[in-house]
Protein backbone atom coordinates (compact mmCIF):
# COMPACT_ATOMS: atom_id res chain seq x y z
CA MET A 1 25.39 19.25 -19.05
CA THR A 2 26.87 15.88 -18.06
CA CYS A 3 24.95 13.08 -16.33
CA GLU A 4 26.92 13.84 -13.19
CA GLU A 5 26.00 17.53 -13.28
CA ALA A 6 22.31 16.82 -13.92
CA ALA A 7 22.26 14.20 -11.16
CA GLU A 8 23.80 16.61 -8.69
CA ARG A 9 21.21 19.28 -9.50
CA LEU A 10 18.32 16.81 -9.21
CA GLU A 11 19.80 15.05 -6.15
CA CYS A 12 19.82 11.58 -7.72
CA SER A 13 22.49 9.16 -8.96
CA PRO A 14 24.23 9.64 -12.34
CA SER A 15 23.27 6.08 -13.27
CA LYS A 16 19.58 7.01 -12.94
CA ILE A 17 20.05 9.82 -15.45
CA SER A 18 21.99 7.47 -17.74
CA ARG A 19 19.33 4.75 -17.61
CA MET A 20 16.58 7.25 -18.43
CA GLU A 21 18.54 8.72 -21.34
CA THR A 22 19.34 5.32 -22.84
CA GLY A 23 15.81 3.97 -22.37
CA ARG A 24 16.88 1.26 -19.93
CA VAL A 25 13.99 2.15 -17.61
CA SER A 26 10.67 3.89 -17.98
CA ILE A 27 10.67 7.51 -16.91
CA HIS A 28 8.14 9.10 -14.58
CA PRO A 29 6.46 12.28 -15.89
CA ARG A 30 7.63 14.06 -12.75
CA ASP A 31 11.26 13.26 -13.68
CA VAL A 32 10.61 14.49 -17.22
CA ARG A 33 9.24 17.74 -15.86
CA ASP A 34 12.24 18.22 -13.57
CA LEU A 35 14.71 17.51 -16.38
CA LEU A 36 12.95 19.84 -18.82
CA GLU A 37 13.01 22.63 -16.27
CA LEU A 38 16.68 21.98 -15.60
CA TYR A 39 17.53 21.98 -19.32
CA GLY A 40 15.55 25.14 -20.01
CA ALA A 41 12.93 23.68 -22.38
CA ASP A 42 10.14 26.02 -23.44
CA GLU A 43 6.47 25.54 -22.55
CA GLU A 44 5.53 23.91 -25.86
CA GLN A 45 8.35 21.37 -25.65
CA CYS A 46 7.42 20.57 -22.05
CA ALA A 47 3.78 19.93 -22.91
CA ALA A 48 4.62 17.63 -25.85
CA LEU A 49 7.23 15.59 -23.98
CA LEU A 50 5.06 15.19 -20.90
CA VAL A 51 2.32 13.67 -23.06
CA ILE A 52 4.84 11.19 -24.48
CA ALA A 53 6.10 10.36 -20.99
CA ARG A 54 2.58 9.62 -19.73
CA GLU A 55 1.87 7.41 -22.76
CA ALA A 56 5.18 5.59 -22.35
CA ARG A 57 4.30 4.63 -18.79
CA GLU A 58 1.44 2.55 -20.16
CA ARG A 59 3.71 0.29 -22.23
CA GLY A 60 5.25 -1.81 -19.48
CA TRP A 61 2.89 -4.55 -18.28
CA TRP A 62 3.98 -3.92 -14.68
CA HIS A 63 2.52 -0.40 -14.72
CA SER A 64 -0.94 -1.90 -14.30
CA PHE A 65 0.12 -2.71 -10.73
CA PHE A 66 0.93 0.89 -9.76
CA GLY A 67 -0.95 1.86 -6.64
CA VAL A 68 -1.36 -1.80 -5.64
CA LEU A 69 2.20 -3.04 -5.18
CA PRO A 70 5.13 -1.15 -3.58
CA LYS A 71 6.83 1.33 -5.90
CA LEU A 72 10.31 -0.01 -5.14
CA TYR A 73 9.21 -3.52 -6.13
CA LEU A 74 7.75 -2.23 -9.39
CA THR A 75 10.99 -0.39 -10.08
CA PHE A 76 12.83 -3.68 -9.67
CA ILE A 77 10.44 -5.43 -12.08
CA GLY A 78 11.07 -2.72 -14.68
CA LEU A 79 14.83 -3.03 -14.31
CA GLU A 80 14.63 -6.82 -14.46
CA ALA A 81 12.65 -6.56 -17.69
CA GLU A 82 15.46 -4.52 -19.26
CA ALA A 83 18.31 -6.64 -17.91
CA THR A 84 20.18 -9.17 -20.02
CA LEU A 85 21.61 -11.16 -17.10
CA VAL A 86 20.39 -11.70 -13.55
CA ARG A 87 22.64 -13.41 -11.02
CA THR A 88 20.95 -14.22 -7.75
CA TYR A 89 21.84 -15.99 -4.53
CA GLU A 90 19.05 -17.26 -2.29
CA PRO A 91 19.62 -19.08 1.02
CA GLN A 92 16.02 -19.55 2.16
CA LEU A 93 13.44 -19.77 -0.62
CA ILE A 94 12.96 -20.41 -4.32
CA PRO A 95 13.69 -17.18 -6.29
CA GLY A 96 10.63 -15.44 -7.71
CA LEU A 97 11.57 -16.21 -11.33
CA LEU A 98 11.42 -19.92 -10.51
CA GLN A 99 8.36 -20.09 -8.21
CA THR A 100 5.09 -21.84 -8.97
CA GLU A 101 1.88 -20.01 -8.14
CA ALA A 102 1.03 -22.49 -5.38
CA TYR A 103 4.45 -22.07 -3.78
CA ALA A 104 4.19 -18.28 -3.95
CA ARG A 105 0.76 -18.34 -2.31
CA ALA A 106 2.00 -20.65 0.42
CA LEU A 107 4.81 -18.20 1.18
CA ARG A 108 2.43 -15.24 1.40
CA SER A 109 0.07 -17.16 3.69
CA ARG A 110 2.78 -17.50 6.32
CA TYR A 111 3.28 -13.77 6.86
CA PRO A 112 2.63 -12.82 10.51
CA PHE A 113 0.37 -9.91 9.55
CA ARG A 114 -2.79 -9.86 7.45
CA ARG A 115 -2.50 -9.34 3.73
CA ASP A 116 -5.21 -7.79 1.63
CA PRO A 117 -6.47 -10.56 -0.76
CA GLU A 118 -6.36 -8.15 -3.72
CA GLU A 119 -2.75 -7.21 -2.95
CA THR A 120 -1.80 -10.89 -2.67
CA ASP A 121 -3.46 -11.70 -6.01
CA SER A 122 -1.71 -8.75 -7.66
CA PHE A 123 1.65 -9.71 -6.17
CA ILE A 124 1.36 -13.27 -7.44
CA ALA A 125 0.08 -12.17 -10.86
CA ALA A 126 3.11 -9.89 -11.20
CA ARG A 127 5.44 -12.67 -10.10
CA MET A 128 4.04 -15.09 -12.67
CA ALA A 129 4.22 -12.44 -15.41
CA ARG A 130 7.89 -11.78 -14.57
CA GLN A 131 8.70 -15.35 -15.54
CA ASN A 132 7.84 -14.57 -19.17
CA HIS A 133 11.21 -12.79 -19.32
CA LEU A 134 12.83 -16.24 -19.41
CA THR A 135 10.99 -17.33 -22.57
CA ARG A 136 10.62 -14.09 -24.56
CA ASP A 137 12.23 -13.69 -28.00
CA GLU A 138 15.43 -12.30 -26.46
CA PRO A 139 15.25 -14.09 -23.13
CA LEU A 140 16.69 -12.96 -19.86
CA ASN A 141 19.71 -14.99 -18.76
CA LEU A 142 19.30 -16.25 -15.20
CA TRP A 143 22.04 -17.69 -13.02
CA ALA A 144 20.65 -18.78 -9.67
CA ILE A 145 22.66 -20.18 -6.78
CA LEU A 146 20.55 -21.75 -4.03
CA ASP A 147 21.47 -23.03 -0.62
CA GLU A 148 20.44 -26.65 -0.07
CA ALA A 149 18.01 -25.39 2.59
CA VAL A 150 15.92 -23.92 -0.25
CA ILE A 151 15.11 -27.33 -1.68
CA ARG A 152 14.78 -29.05 1.71
CA ARG A 153 12.48 -26.53 3.42
CA MET A 154 8.86 -27.70 3.17
CA VAL A 155 6.66 -24.88 1.88
CA GLY A 156 2.93 -25.48 1.51
CA GLY A 157 2.99 -29.23 2.02
CA THR A 158 4.40 -32.22 0.19
CA GLY A 159 2.43 -31.81 -3.04
CA ILE A 160 3.22 -28.13 -3.48
CA MET A 161 6.90 -28.64 -2.73
CA ARG A 162 7.18 -31.62 -5.07
CA ASP A 163 5.59 -29.65 -7.93
CA GLN A 164 7.83 -26.69 -7.16
CA LEU A 165 11.01 -28.74 -7.37
CA ARG A 166 9.83 -30.33 -10.60
CA HIS A 167 9.25 -26.83 -11.96
CA VAL A 168 12.80 -25.83 -11.01
CA LEU A 169 14.11 -28.85 -12.91
CA GLU A 170 11.98 -27.96 -15.94
CA VAL A 171 13.00 -24.29 -16.06
CA GLY A 172 16.61 -25.33 -15.49
CA MET A 173 16.55 -27.06 -18.87
CA LEU A 174 16.23 -23.73 -20.68
CA PRO A 175 19.53 -22.77 -22.37
CA ASN A 176 19.45 -19.32 -20.76
CA VAL A 177 18.96 -20.63 -17.19
CA THR A 178 21.65 -22.03 -14.90
CA ILE A 179 20.75 -23.34 -11.44
CA GLN A 180 23.29 -24.54 -8.90
CA VAL A 181 22.93 -25.62 -5.28
CA ILE A 182 25.43 -25.16 -2.46
CA PRO A 183 25.18 -28.39 -0.43
CA PHE A 184 25.16 -28.46 3.35
CA ALA A 185 28.42 -30.40 3.20
CA ALA A 186 30.17 -27.38 1.68
CA GLY A 187 30.15 -25.69 5.07
CA ALA A 188 30.56 -21.93 5.51
CA HIS A 189 30.86 -19.62 2.50
CA PRO A 190 30.91 -15.82 1.93
CA ALA A 191 27.31 -15.53 0.68
CA MET A 192 25.73 -16.89 3.86
CA GLU A 193 24.86 -13.45 5.24
CA GLY A 194 21.86 -12.95 2.99
CA SER A 195 20.24 -13.06 -0.44
CA PHE A 196 21.12 -10.62 -3.22
CA THR A 197 20.55 -10.07 -6.93
CA ILE A 198 22.95 -8.58 -9.48
CA LEU A 199 21.41 -7.10 -12.64
CA GLU A 200 23.46 -6.56 -15.78
CA PHE A 201 22.37 -4.64 -18.88
CA SER A 202 23.35 -4.84 -22.55
CA ASP A 203 24.75 -1.31 -22.81
CA PRO A 204 28.33 -1.26 -21.42
CA ALA A 205 27.71 2.34 -20.33
CA ASP A 206 24.76 1.26 -18.21
CA PRO A 207 26.03 0.35 -14.73
CA GLN A 208 25.25 -2.94 -13.08
CA LEU A 209 23.02 -2.93 -10.03
CA VAL A 210 22.80 -4.94 -6.84
CA TYR A 211 19.31 -5.37 -5.41
CA LEU A 212 18.77 -6.21 -1.74
CA GLU A 213 15.37 -6.88 -0.19
CA ASN A 214 14.09 -7.43 3.33
CA LEU A 215 10.70 -7.64 5.04
CA MET A 216 9.98 -3.91 5.07
CA SER A 217 12.06 -2.33 2.32
CA SER A 218 14.55 -2.79 -0.50
CA LEU A 219 17.85 -1.20 -1.50
CA TYR A 220 19.79 -0.62 -4.72
CA LEU A 221 23.58 -0.50 -4.69
CA GLU A 222 25.20 1.27 -7.64
CA GLN A 223 28.73 2.14 -6.53
CA GLU A 224 31.43 0.25 -8.41
CA LYS A 225 33.08 -0.87 -5.17
CA GLU A 226 29.80 -2.32 -3.87
CA ILE A 227 29.03 -4.12 -7.12
CA THR A 228 32.55 -5.54 -7.29
CA TRP A 229 32.18 -6.91 -3.76
CA TYR A 230 28.92 -8.70 -4.52
CA ARG A 231 30.27 -10.11 -7.77
CA LEU A 232 33.23 -11.48 -5.83
CA VAL A 233 30.90 -13.05 -3.25
CA PHE A 234 28.80 -14.57 -6.05
CA ASP A 235 31.93 -16.04 -7.65
CA HIS A 236 32.99 -17.57 -4.33
CA ALA A 237 29.52 -19.05 -3.88
CA LEU A 238 29.71 -20.41 -7.41
CA ALA A 239 33.00 -22.12 -6.64
CA THR A 240 31.36 -23.76 -3.63
CA ALA A 241 28.21 -24.91 -5.43
CA LEU A 242 27.56 -28.21 -7.14
CA SER A 243 27.75 -28.28 -10.92
CA PRO A 244 24.45 -27.85 -12.82
CA GLU A 245 24.45 -31.59 -13.53
CA ASP A 246 25.02 -32.59 -9.90
CA THR A 247 22.45 -29.99 -8.85
CA ARG A 248 19.86 -31.70 -11.05
CA LYS A 249 20.68 -35.02 -9.42
CA LEU A 250 20.27 -33.53 -5.93
CA ILE A 251 16.94 -31.90 -6.76
CA THR A 252 15.70 -35.07 -8.47
CA GLU A 253 16.54 -37.05 -5.33
CA ALA A 254 14.62 -34.48 -3.28
CA VAL A 255 11.60 -34.91 -5.57
CA LEU A 256 11.72 -38.69 -5.24
CA GLY A 257 11.81 -38.27 -1.47
CA LEU A 258 8.48 -36.46 -1.69
CA GLU A 259 6.74 -39.13 -3.79
């Protein structure tokens, strides 16, 4: 049975089947059960593989946040952990992989509805843990394009913002991290309509993904046409952005302005 056939029977995308088969993402015991039933596995095989699936779910550090943080967000964290390259465009705020704890807390405090303190602590703990992907043995490659508004918008006060921009400069020195800013003077560009993240994996057979997030939900785009469009928009934004060296100068000037 092909990935396409299995996906059609289980009413999911072929790329989901592919990522589970190649170990790109962790697999939920419920998915294992559905697949085993579809493939005609006997009762003994089902029991053994379900035990393995439940044990495997304990291996990813993000699984400790199940039941506390939204499932879609945890799915993104798992995919990010398996990715080799993340390209992201952000017009309003510092991307999560580059945020300080103080900056992240300041962002959460401005939400118009109450947040449970435990949920906030868990969210920030997960965000800080995600940043270890940038310094692991085989580090994640990050290419972040920011609008100038990101470094100009005051979040949490002068001290928090100054430390945040210094942190961006520090992380930007890593060989696997590239940060570029689109200056106000560049005018209009194709990426202005909203933030997005493109995830790329090491296996050529594993499709790229585009991740979109808003206040109430998130969305994954997997169709080749959709991914091609966002890659094109990212490339256009890249052509508009300052070089990494000029970006460092701009951020350094912003830091000095906060002294």
